[in-house]
Amino acid sequence: MSSTRWTDDASAQRHYPKAVTLVQLLTSSSPPANPFVYFRVPIVDARLRVKIALYFTVGGGTPFETDYTGFANLWLYEADDDPDLIGSGRTFALMNVEGTEAAPTAVPSASPLLGYSREFQTAADYIEGKFKILSNIALGAWILRCRYQPAPGQRFTPDEWQQITPLAQPSLFNTPKLVI
């Protein structure tokens, strides 16, 4: 029998992976012709819930009180690996979970908000997103932050949690970080 104690404290099982910079706005020039990035948030285990947050960090010289409504937009969807080519990097978009490709969600949706946040629990392999800059009204950066934790009523053993956290790392895919 193991002498390691397992705590049922839900706060002990929260994982905050490193933030991902989606867009760096260094000038007030117009956005390029295709000002978007794709990102991927892995769903390591269906017993997890994941919070996806996109927020704008204001750069030097930009007033914090600026109305950022309609600055960008977002489409999120569930995606699964190709079952015949697992690990190939190819995924299939299967279900919209926020906006659609044709009608993405405005980010932020209203003033004085500075971003977007939503929590998901799914059996999909990933939540993927397309984030697009619509106008360049301020200097700063758009950041992707995530939080992983067990769904209500779920807990992982310490060994399970140690296996999950290295795999729970959001990333960009098919596009580099956008610098304008």
N, C-alpha and C. Protein backbone atom coordinates (compact mmCIF):
# COMPACT_ATOMS: atom_id res chain seq x y z
N MET A 1 0.84 -1.17 0.00
CA MET A 1 0.00 0.00 0.00
C MET A 1 0.89 1.24 0.00
N SER A 2 0.53 2.21 -0.81
CA SER A 2 1.30 3.45 -0.94
C SER A 2 1.12 4.34 0.28
N SER A 3 2.21 4.99 0.68
CA SER A 3 2.13 5.92 1.80
C SER A 3 1.76 7.33 1.35
N THR A 4 1.61 7.55 0.03
CA THR A 4 1.24 8.86 -0.49
C THR A 4 -0.24 9.11 -0.22
N ARG A 5 -0.52 10.26 0.34
CA ARG A 5 -1.92 10.64 0.61
C ARG A 5 -2.47 11.35 -0.62
N TRP A 6 -3.71 11.10 -0.86
CA TRP A 6 -4.40 11.75 -1.96
C TRP A 6 -5.42 12.70 -1.38
N THR A 7 -5.32 13.98 -1.75
CA THR A 7 -6.25 14.96 -1.25
C THR A 7 -7.44 15.08 -2.19
N ASP A 8 -8.60 15.34 -1.64
CA ASP A 8 -9.79 15.55 -2.45
C ASP A 8 -10.06 17.05 -2.61
N ASP A 9 -9.06 17.86 -2.33
CA ASP A 9 -9.20 19.30 -2.46
C ASP A 9 -9.17 19.68 -3.93
N ALA A 10 -10.30 20.15 -4.45
CA ALA A 10 -10.40 20.46 -5.87
C ALA A 10 -9.41 21.53 -6.30
N SER A 11 -9.09 22.46 -5.41
CA SER A 11 -8.18 23.54 -5.79
C SER A 11 -6.76 23.03 -6.03
N ALA A 12 -6.43 21.85 -5.49
CA ALA A 12 -5.10 21.27 -5.70
C ALA A 12 -4.95 20.74 -7.13
N GLN A 13 -6.06 20.52 -7.80
CA GLN A 13 -6.01 20.01 -9.17
C GLN A 13 -6.49 21.08 -10.14
N ARG A 14 -5.68 22.09 -10.27
CA ARG A 14 -5.88 23.13 -11.28
C ARG A 14 -4.56 23.30 -12.01
N HIS A 15 -4.65 23.32 -13.31
CA HIS A 15 -3.44 23.48 -14.13
C HIS A 15 -3.59 24.72 -14.99
N TYR A 16 -2.62 25.62 -14.88
CA TYR A 16 -2.59 26.85 -15.68
C TYR A 16 -1.38 26.78 -16.60
N PRO A 17 -1.56 26.30 -17.83
CA PRO A 17 -0.42 26.22 -18.74
C PRO A 17 0.09 27.62 -19.11
N LYS A 18 1.26 27.64 -19.68
CA LYS A 18 1.87 28.89 -20.11
C LYS A 18 0.95 29.60 -21.10
N ALA A 19 0.85 30.92 -20.97
CA ALA A 19 0.03 31.72 -21.89
C ALA A 19 0.61 31.67 -23.30
N VAL A 20 -0.26 31.82 -24.29
CA VAL A 20 0.14 31.83 -25.69
C VAL A 20 -0.21 33.20 -26.27
N THR A 21 0.77 33.89 -26.83
CA THR A 21 0.50 35.17 -27.50
C THR A 21 -0.04 34.86 -28.89
N LEU A 22 -1.25 35.34 -29.17
CA LEU A 22 -1.87 35.13 -30.48
C LEU A 22 -1.47 36.22 -31.46
N VAL A 23 -1.58 37.47 -31.01
CA VAL A 23 -1.33 38.61 -31.88
C VAL A 23 -0.55 39.66 -31.10
N GLN A 24 0.48 40.20 -31.72
CA GLN A 24 1.25 41.31 -31.14
C GLN A 24 1.02 42.52 -32.04
N LEU A 25 0.42 43.58 -31.48
CA LEU A 25 0.15 44.80 -32.24
C LEU A 25 1.19 45.84 -31.87
N LEU A 26 2.14 46.07 -32.78
CA LEU A 26 3.26 46.97 -32.51
C LEU A 26 3.10 48.33 -33.17
N THR A 27 2.22 48.41 -34.19
CA THR A 27 2.00 49.68 -34.90
C THR A 27 0.50 49.88 -35.07
N SER A 28 0.15 51.07 -35.46
CA SER A 28 -1.27 51.35 -35.70
C SER A 28 -1.63 51.21 -37.18
N SER A 29 -0.79 50.50 -37.93
CA SER A 29 -1.08 50.30 -39.35
C SER A 29 -2.26 49.37 -39.53
N SER A 30 -2.82 49.36 -40.71
CA SER A 30 -3.96 48.49 -41.00
C SER A 30 -3.55 47.02 -40.91
N PRO A 31 -4.47 46.16 -40.47
CA PRO A 31 -4.14 44.73 -40.43
C PRO A 31 -3.84 44.20 -41.83
N PRO A 32 -3.02 43.14 -41.94
CA PRO A 32 -2.75 42.55 -43.25
C PRO A 32 -4.01 41.91 -43.84
N ALA A 33 -3.89 41.42 -45.06
CA ALA A 33 -5.04 40.86 -45.77
C ALA A 33 -5.67 39.67 -45.02
N ASN A 34 -4.86 38.82 -44.40
CA ASN A 34 -5.38 37.67 -43.66
C ASN A 34 -4.93 37.74 -42.20
N PRO A 35 -5.53 38.64 -41.42
CA PRO A 35 -5.06 38.87 -40.05
C PRO A 35 -5.65 37.89 -39.04
N PHE A 36 -5.35 36.60 -39.19
CA PHE A 36 -5.91 35.63 -38.25
C PHE A 36 -4.87 34.60 -37.84
N VAL A 37 -5.16 33.95 -36.72
CA VAL A 37 -4.34 32.84 -36.23
C VAL A 37 -5.28 31.72 -35.81
N TYR A 38 -4.78 30.51 -35.90
CA TYR A 38 -5.49 29.34 -35.40
C TYR A 38 -4.79 28.85 -34.14
N PHE A 39 -5.59 28.44 -33.17
CA PHE A 39 -5.02 27.87 -31.96
C PHE A 39 -5.75 26.60 -31.59
N ARG A 40 -5.07 25.78 -30.79
CA ARG A 40 -5.60 24.47 -30.40
C ARG A 40 -5.45 24.30 -28.90
N VAL A 41 -6.54 23.88 -28.25
CA VAL A 41 -6.54 23.58 -26.83
C VAL A 41 -6.86 22.10 -26.68
N PRO A 42 -5.88 21.28 -26.29
CA PRO A 42 -6.14 19.84 -26.18
C PRO A 42 -7.06 19.52 -25.01
N ILE A 43 -7.96 18.59 -25.25
CA ILE A 43 -8.81 18.05 -24.19
C ILE A 43 -8.23 16.68 -23.88
N VAL A 44 -7.42 16.61 -22.85
CA VAL A 44 -6.63 15.42 -22.55
C VAL A 44 -7.51 14.28 -22.04
N ASP A 45 -8.56 14.62 -21.32
CA ASP A 45 -9.43 13.62 -20.70
C ASP A 45 -10.83 14.21 -20.64
N ALA A 46 -11.84 13.42 -21.00
CA ALA A 46 -13.22 13.92 -21.00
C ALA A 46 -13.72 14.28 -19.60
N ARG A 47 -13.00 13.86 -18.57
CA ARG A 47 -13.40 14.21 -17.19
C ARG A 47 -12.88 15.58 -16.77
N LEU A 48 -12.17 16.25 -17.67
CA LEU A 48 -11.66 17.59 -17.41
C LEU A 48 -12.63 18.64 -17.92
N ARG A 49 -12.58 19.80 -17.31
CA ARG A 49 -13.18 20.97 -17.91
C ARG A 49 -12.05 21.95 -18.15
N VAL A 50 -12.21 22.75 -19.20
CA VAL A 50 -11.16 23.70 -19.55
C VAL A 50 -11.79 25.07 -19.77
N LYS A 51 -11.16 26.06 -19.18
CA LYS A 51 -11.58 27.44 -19.39
C LYS A 51 -10.64 28.05 -20.42
N ILE A 52 -11.24 28.63 -21.46
CA ILE A 52 -10.48 29.32 -22.50
C ILE A 52 -10.75 30.81 -22.35
N ALA A 53 -9.69 31.58 -22.20
CA ALA A 53 -9.82 33.03 -22.07
C ALA A 53 -8.90 33.71 -23.07
N LEU A 54 -9.44 34.68 -23.77
CA LEU A 54 -8.67 35.53 -24.68
C LEU A 54 -8.79 36.94 -24.14
N TYR A 55 -7.67 37.59 -23.95
CA TYR A 55 -7.75 38.95 -23.44
C TYR A 55 -6.69 39.83 -24.08
N PHE A 56 -7.00 41.11 -24.08
CA PHE A 56 -6.11 42.10 -24.67
C PHE A 56 -5.32 42.79 -23.57
N THR A 57 -4.02 42.76 -23.70
CA THR A 57 -3.16 43.51 -22.78
C THR A 57 -2.74 44.79 -23.48
N VAL A 58 -3.07 45.89 -22.87
CA VAL A 58 -2.83 47.20 -23.46
C VAL A 58 -1.34 47.51 -23.47
N GLY A 59 -0.85 47.99 -24.63
CA GLY A 59 0.55 48.38 -24.76
C GLY A 59 0.76 49.84 -24.40
N GLY A 60 1.99 50.24 -24.36
CA GLY A 60 2.34 51.61 -24.01
C GLY A 60 1.71 52.62 -24.93
N GLY A 61 1.20 53.70 -24.35
CA GLY A 61 0.62 54.79 -25.12
C GLY A 61 -0.84 54.62 -25.46
N THR A 62 -1.45 53.50 -25.12
CA THR A 62 -2.86 53.27 -25.39
C THR A 62 -3.66 53.48 -24.11
N PRO A 63 -4.67 54.34 -24.15
CA PRO A 63 -5.48 54.53 -22.94
C PRO A 63 -6.25 53.25 -22.59
N PHE A 64 -6.25 52.90 -21.32
CA PHE A 64 -6.92 51.70 -20.85
C PHE A 64 -8.43 51.76 -21.09
N GLU A 65 -9.00 52.96 -21.10
CA GLU A 65 -10.45 53.13 -21.22
C GLU A 65 -10.97 53.03 -22.65
N THR A 66 -10.13 52.72 -23.60
CA THR A 66 -10.54 52.61 -25.00
C THR A 66 -11.64 51.56 -25.15
N ASP A 67 -12.62 51.85 -26.00
CA ASP A 67 -13.69 50.88 -26.30
C ASP A 67 -13.15 49.90 -27.36
N TYR A 68 -12.95 48.64 -26.97
CA TYR A 68 -12.38 47.64 -27.86
C TYR A 68 -13.43 46.78 -28.55
N THR A 69 -14.71 47.14 -28.42
CA THR A 69 -15.80 46.36 -29.02
C THR A 69 -15.58 46.20 -30.52
N GLY A 70 -15.65 44.96 -30.98
CA GLY A 70 -15.50 44.70 -32.40
C GLY A 70 -14.07 44.76 -32.90
N PHE A 71 -13.10 44.78 -32.00
CA PHE A 71 -11.68 44.83 -32.33
C PHE A 71 -11.26 43.54 -33.05
N ALA A 72 -11.88 42.43 -32.67
CA ALA A 72 -11.51 41.12 -33.22
C ALA A 72 -12.75 40.22 -33.22
N ASN A 73 -12.59 39.03 -33.81
CA ASN A 73 -13.67 38.05 -33.69
C ASN A 73 -13.10 36.65 -33.52
N LEU A 74 -13.99 35.73 -33.16
CA LEU A 74 -13.57 34.40 -32.75
C LEU A 74 -14.56 33.35 -33.21
N TRP A 75 -14.01 32.26 -33.69
CA TRP A 75 -14.79 31.06 -33.99
C TRP A 75 -14.13 29.90 -33.26
N LEU A 76 -14.88 29.22 -32.41
CA LEU A 76 -14.40 28.04 -31.70
C LEU A 76 -15.19 26.83 -32.15
N TYR A 77 -14.51 25.70 -32.25
CA TYR A 77 -15.18 24.47 -32.67
C TYR A 77 -14.49 23.27 -32.03
N GLU A 78 -15.28 22.20 -31.86
CA GLU A 78 -14.71 20.93 -31.41
C GLU A 78 -14.05 20.27 -32.61
N ALA A 79 -12.92 19.62 -32.35
CA ALA A 79 -12.20 18.94 -33.42
C ALA A 79 -11.66 17.62 -32.90
N ASP A 80 -11.58 16.65 -33.77
CA ASP A 80 -11.03 15.34 -33.43
C ASP A 80 -9.89 15.00 -34.37
N ASP A 81 -8.96 14.17 -33.85
CA ASP A 81 -7.89 13.64 -34.69
C ASP A 81 -8.48 12.75 -35.76
N ASP A 82 -7.78 12.65 -36.89
CA ASP A 82 -8.13 11.68 -37.91
C ASP A 82 -7.92 10.30 -37.29
N PRO A 83 -8.98 9.49 -37.13
CA PRO A 83 -8.82 8.21 -36.43
C PRO A 83 -7.86 7.24 -37.09
N ASP A 84 -7.62 7.38 -38.40
CA ASP A 84 -6.69 6.49 -39.08
C ASP A 84 -5.26 7.00 -39.05
N LEU A 85 -5.09 8.28 -38.75
CA LEU A 85 -3.76 8.89 -38.76
C LEU A 85 -3.48 9.63 -37.45
N ILE A 86 -3.82 9.02 -36.33
CA ILE A 86 -3.64 9.68 -35.04
C ILE A 86 -2.18 10.09 -34.90
N GLY A 87 -1.99 11.33 -34.48
CA GLY A 87 -0.65 11.87 -34.33
C GLY A 87 -0.12 12.53 -35.59
N SER A 88 -0.92 12.54 -36.66
CA SER A 88 -0.46 13.14 -37.91
C SER A 88 -0.60 14.66 -37.87
N GLY A 89 -1.33 15.18 -36.89
CA GLY A 89 -1.57 16.62 -36.82
C GLY A 89 -2.82 17.04 -37.57
N ARG A 90 -3.43 16.13 -38.29
CA ARG A 90 -4.65 16.45 -39.04
C ARG A 90 -5.85 16.26 -38.13
N THR A 91 -6.68 17.30 -38.06
CA THR A 91 -7.91 17.22 -37.28
C THR A 91 -9.09 17.59 -38.16
N PHE A 92 -10.27 17.24 -37.68
CA PHE A 92 -11.51 17.55 -38.38
C PHE A 92 -12.36 18.43 -37.49
N ALA A 93 -12.78 19.58 -38.01
CA ALA A 93 -13.71 20.44 -37.29
C ALA A 93 -15.07 19.75 -37.32
N LEU A 94 -15.67 19.55 -36.15
CA LEU A 94 -16.89 18.75 -36.10
C LEU A 94 -18.13 19.49 -35.61
N MET A 95 -17.94 20.46 -34.71
CA MET A 95 -19.12 21.13 -34.16
C MET A 95 -18.75 22.54 -33.68
N ASN A 96 -19.54 23.53 -34.08
CA ASN A 96 -19.32 24.88 -33.60
C ASN A 96 -19.67 24.95 -32.11
N VAL A 97 -18.82 25.63 -31.33
CA VAL A 97 -19.14 25.85 -29.92
C VAL A 97 -19.18 27.34 -29.57
N GLU A 98 -18.67 28.18 -30.44
CA GLU A 98 -18.78 29.64 -30.28
C GLU A 98 -18.69 30.26 -31.66
N GLY A 99 -19.77 30.90 -32.07
CA GLY A 99 -19.83 31.47 -33.40
C GLY A 99 -19.74 30.40 -34.47
N THR A 100 -19.60 30.83 -35.70
CA THR A 100 -19.37 29.94 -36.83
C THR A 100 -18.28 30.58 -37.68
N GLU A 101 -17.76 29.85 -38.64
CA GLU A 101 -16.76 30.45 -39.51
C GLU A 101 -17.37 31.62 -40.28
N ALA A 102 -18.63 31.46 -40.72
CA ALA A 102 -19.30 32.53 -41.47
C ALA A 102 -19.77 33.67 -40.57
N ALA A 103 -20.08 33.39 -39.32
CA ALA A 103 -20.57 34.41 -38.39
C ALA A 103 -19.88 34.26 -37.04
N PRO A 104 -18.60 34.68 -36.97
CA PRO A 104 -17.86 34.55 -35.71
C PRO A 104 -18.39 35.51 -34.64
N THR A 105 -18.00 35.25 -33.40
CA THR A 105 -18.41 36.06 -32.26
C THR A 105 -17.49 37.27 -32.13
N ALA A 106 -18.07 38.44 -31.88
CA ALA A 106 -17.27 39.65 -31.66
C ALA A 106 -16.52 39.54 -30.34
N VAL A 107 -15.26 39.96 -30.35
CA VAL A 107 -14.44 39.96 -29.15
C VAL A 107 -13.76 41.31 -29.03
N PRO A 108 -13.97 42.01 -27.94
CA PRO A 108 -14.96 41.75 -26.91
C PRO A 108 -16.36 42.07 -27.41
N SER A 109 -17.35 41.55 -26.71
CA SER A 109 -18.74 41.69 -27.16
C SER A 109 -19.34 43.03 -26.77
N ALA A 110 -18.80 43.70 -25.76
CA ALA A 110 -19.33 44.98 -25.31
C ALA A 110 -18.27 45.74 -24.52
N SER A 111 -18.41 47.02 -24.47
CA SER A 111 -17.52 47.85 -23.65
C SER A 111 -18.00 47.78 -22.20
N PRO A 112 -17.15 47.72 -21.23
CA PRO A 112 -15.72 47.91 -21.15
C PRO A 112 -14.93 46.61 -21.12
N LEU A 113 -15.49 45.52 -21.66
CA LEU A 113 -14.81 44.24 -21.64
C LEU A 113 -13.53 44.29 -22.46
N LEU A 114 -12.55 43.46 -22.07
CA LEU A 114 -11.26 43.41 -22.76
C LEU A 114 -10.97 42.03 -23.34
N GLY A 115 -12.00 41.19 -23.49
CA GLY A 115 -11.73 39.87 -24.04
C GLY A 115 -12.93 38.95 -24.02
N TYR A 116 -12.65 37.66 -23.87
CA TYR A 116 -13.64 36.59 -23.96
C TYR A 116 -13.22 35.48 -23.01
N SER A 117 -14.21 34.81 -22.40
CA SER A 117 -13.92 33.67 -21.53
C SER A 117 -15.11 32.72 -21.54
N ARG A 118 -14.80 31.44 -21.55
CA ARG A 118 -15.85 30.43 -21.49
C ARG A 118 -15.23 29.11 -21.05
N GLU A 119 -16.02 28.33 -20.30
CA GLU A 119 -15.54 27.03 -19.83
C GLU A 119 -16.24 25.93 -20.62
N PHE A 120 -15.48 24.87 -20.93
CA PHE A 120 -15.99 23.76 -21.73
C PHE A 120 -15.70 22.44 -21.05
N GLN A 121 -16.61 21.49 -21.26
CA GLN A 121 -16.36 20.10 -20.94
C GLN A 121 -16.86 19.30 -22.12
N THR A 122 -15.98 18.52 -22.71
CA THR A 122 -16.31 17.83 -23.95
C THR A 122 -15.50 16.55 -24.07
N ALA A 123 -15.97 15.64 -24.91
CA ALA A 123 -15.23 14.42 -25.22
C ALA A 123 -14.44 14.58 -26.52
N ALA A 124 -14.46 15.79 -27.11
CA ALA A 124 -13.67 16.04 -28.32
C ALA A 124 -12.18 15.94 -27.99
N ASP A 125 -11.35 15.78 -29.01
CA ASP A 125 -9.90 15.75 -28.81
C ASP A 125 -9.34 17.15 -28.55
N TYR A 126 -9.98 18.16 -29.17
CA TYR A 126 -9.51 19.54 -29.06
C TYR A 126 -10.67 20.52 -29.11
N ILE A 127 -10.46 21.69 -28.57
CA ILE A 127 -11.22 22.88 -28.93
C ILE A 127 -10.24 23.70 -29.75
N GLU A 128 -10.61 23.97 -30.99
CA GLU A 128 -9.76 24.77 -31.85
C GLU A 128 -10.44 26.10 -32.12
N GLY A 129 -9.64 27.10 -32.42
CA GLY A 129 -10.20 28.42 -32.66
C GLY A 129 -9.51 29.16 -33.77
N LYS A 130 -10.28 30.03 -34.38
CA LYS A 130 -9.76 30.97 -35.38
C LYS A 130 -10.02 32.36 -34.81
N PHE A 131 -8.94 33.09 -34.56
CA PHE A 131 -9.01 34.42 -33.98
C PHE A 131 -8.56 35.41 -35.03
N LYS A 132 -9.39 36.44 -35.30
CA LYS A 132 -9.11 37.38 -36.38
C LYS A 132 -9.16 38.82 -35.88
N ILE A 133 -8.15 39.59 -36.24
CA ILE A 133 -8.11 41.03 -35.94
C ILE A 133 -8.91 41.76 -37.02
N LEU A 134 -9.85 42.60 -36.61
CA LEU A 134 -10.67 43.34 -37.57
C LEU A 134 -10.17 44.76 -37.78
N SER A 135 -9.64 45.35 -36.72
CA SER A 135 -9.08 46.70 -36.83
C SER A 135 -7.94 46.82 -35.84
N ASN A 136 -7.08 47.74 -36.11
CA ASN A 136 -5.92 47.92 -35.24
C ASN A 136 -6.08 49.26 -34.53
N ILE A 137 -6.90 49.29 -33.48
CA ILE A 137 -7.20 50.54 -32.80
C ILE A 137 -6.32 50.79 -31.58
N ALA A 138 -5.49 49.82 -31.23
CA ALA A 138 -4.65 49.99 -30.04
C ALA A 138 -3.39 49.13 -30.15
N LEU A 139 -2.37 49.54 -29.43
CA LEU A 139 -1.14 48.76 -29.35
C LEU A 139 -1.23 47.82 -28.15
N GLY A 140 -0.70 46.62 -28.31
CA GLY A 140 -0.74 45.65 -27.23
C GLY A 140 -0.67 44.24 -27.77
N ALA A 141 -1.23 43.29 -27.04
CA ALA A 141 -1.19 41.89 -27.46
C ALA A 141 -2.46 41.16 -27.05
N TRP A 142 -2.88 40.24 -27.90
CA TRP A 142 -3.98 39.33 -27.57
C TRP A 142 -3.36 38.04 -27.05
N ILE A 143 -3.81 37.60 -25.89
CA ILE A 143 -3.24 36.47 -25.18
C ILE A 143 -4.29 35.38 -25.01
N LEU A 144 -3.88 34.12 -25.15
CA LEU A 144 -4.72 32.96 -24.86
C LEU A 144 -4.25 32.37 -23.53
N ARG A 145 -5.16 32.25 -22.58
CA ARG A 145 -4.87 31.62 -21.28
C ARG A 145 -5.90 30.51 -21.09
N CYS A 146 -5.47 29.42 -20.49
CA CYS A 146 -6.36 28.30 -20.21
C CYS A 146 -6.21 27.86 -18.76
N ARG A 147 -7.24 27.22 -18.27
CA ARG A 147 -7.20 26.59 -16.95
C ARG A 147 -7.87 25.22 -17.08
N TYR A 148 -7.17 24.19 -16.64
CA TYR A 148 -7.70 22.83 -16.63
C TYR A 148 -8.00 22.43 -15.20
N GLN A 149 -9.12 21.76 -14.99
CA GLN A 149 -9.44 21.22 -13.68
C GLN A 149 -10.47 20.11 -13.85
N PRO A 150 -10.59 19.23 -12.86
CA PRO A 150 -11.58 18.16 -12.97
C PRO A 150 -13.00 18.72 -13.04
N ALA A 151 -13.84 18.03 -13.77
CA ALA A 151 -15.26 18.38 -13.83
C ALA A 151 -15.88 18.15 -12.45
N PRO A 152 -17.03 18.76 -12.17
CA PRO A 152 -17.67 18.54 -10.87
C PRO A 152 -17.86 17.04 -10.58
N GLY A 153 -17.48 16.65 -9.38
CA GLY A 153 -17.61 15.26 -8.96
C GLY A 153 -16.46 14.36 -9.40
N GLN A 154 -15.50 14.91 -10.13
CA GLN A 154 -14.38 14.13 -10.62
C GLN A 154 -13.10 14.53 -9.87
N ARG A 155 -12.21 13.58 -9.66
CA ARG A 155 -10.88 13.83 -9.13
C ARG A 155 -9.94 12.84 -9.79
N PHE A 156 -8.70 13.24 -9.90
CA PHE A 156 -7.67 12.38 -10.46
C PHE A 156 -6.69 12.02 -9.37
N THR A 157 -6.14 10.82 -9.43
CA THR A 157 -5.08 10.46 -8.50
C THR A 157 -3.88 11.35 -8.81
N PRO A 158 -2.96 11.52 -7.88
CA PRO A 158 -1.77 12.32 -8.19
C PRO A 158 -1.00 11.81 -9.41
N ASP A 159 -0.92 10.49 -9.58
CA ASP A 159 -0.24 9.93 -10.76
C ASP A 159 -0.96 10.31 -12.05
N GLU A 160 -2.30 10.21 -12.04
CA GLU A 160 -3.06 10.60 -13.22
C GLU A 160 -2.84 12.08 -13.53
N TRP A 161 -2.90 12.92 -12.50
CA TRP A 161 -2.74 14.35 -12.69
C TRP A 161 -1.36 14.68 -13.26
N GLN A 162 -0.34 13.96 -12.82
CA GLN A 162 1.01 14.16 -13.33
C GLN A 162 1.13 13.74 -14.80
N GLN A 163 0.29 12.82 -15.23
CA GLN A 163 0.28 12.42 -16.65
C GLN A 163 -0.49 13.41 -17.51
N ILE A 164 -1.53 14.02 -16.95
CA ILE A 164 -2.41 14.93 -17.69
C ILE A 164 -1.74 16.27 -17.95
N THR A 165 -1.16 16.88 -16.92
CA THR A 165 -0.72 18.27 -17.03
C THR A 165 0.32 18.53 -18.13
N PRO A 166 1.29 17.64 -18.39
CA PRO A 166 2.22 17.94 -19.50
C PRO A 166 1.55 17.95 -20.87
N LEU A 167 0.42 17.25 -21.00
CA LEU A 167 -0.28 17.18 -22.28
C LEU A 167 -1.27 18.33 -22.47
N ALA A 168 -1.59 19.03 -21.39
CA ALA A 168 -2.59 20.10 -21.42
C ALA A 168 -1.91 21.43 -21.70
N GLN A 169 -1.46 21.60 -22.95
CA GLN A 169 -0.72 22.79 -23.35
C GLN A 169 -1.32 23.36 -24.64
N PRO A 170 -2.00 24.50 -24.57
CA PRO A 170 -2.53 25.11 -25.80
C PRO A 170 -1.39 25.58 -26.70
N SER A 171 -1.68 25.70 -27.99
CA SER A 171 -0.65 26.11 -28.94
C SER A 171 -1.28 26.72 -30.19
N LEU A 172 -0.46 27.40 -30.97
CA LEU A 172 -0.86 27.86 -32.30
C LEU A 172 -0.66 26.71 -33.27
N PHE A 173 -1.44 26.68 -34.34
CA PHE A 173 -1.18 25.68 -35.39
C PHE A 173 -1.56 26.27 -36.75
N ASN A 174 -0.89 25.81 -37.77
CA ASN A 174 -1.08 26.25 -39.16
C ASN A 174 -0.78 27.72 -39.40
N THR A 175 -0.52 28.49 -38.34
CA THR A 175 -0.20 29.91 -38.52
C THR A 175 0.78 30.30 -37.42
N PRO A 176 1.72 31.17 -37.72
CA PRO A 176 2.59 31.69 -36.65
C PRO A 176 1.87 32.79 -35.88
N LYS A 177 2.45 33.20 -34.78
CA LYS A 177 1.93 34.35 -34.04
C LYS A 177 1.86 35.52 -35.02
N LEU A 178 0.78 36.26 -34.97
CA LEU A 178 0.59 37.40 -35.85
C LEU A 178 1.23 38.64 -35.24
N VAL A 179 2.10 39.28 -35.98
CA VAL A 179 2.74 40.53 -35.54
C VAL A 179 2.37 41.61 -36.54
N ILE A 180 1.75 42.67 -36.05
CA ILE A 180 1.31 43.77 -36.91
C ILE A 180 1.99 45.03 -36.44
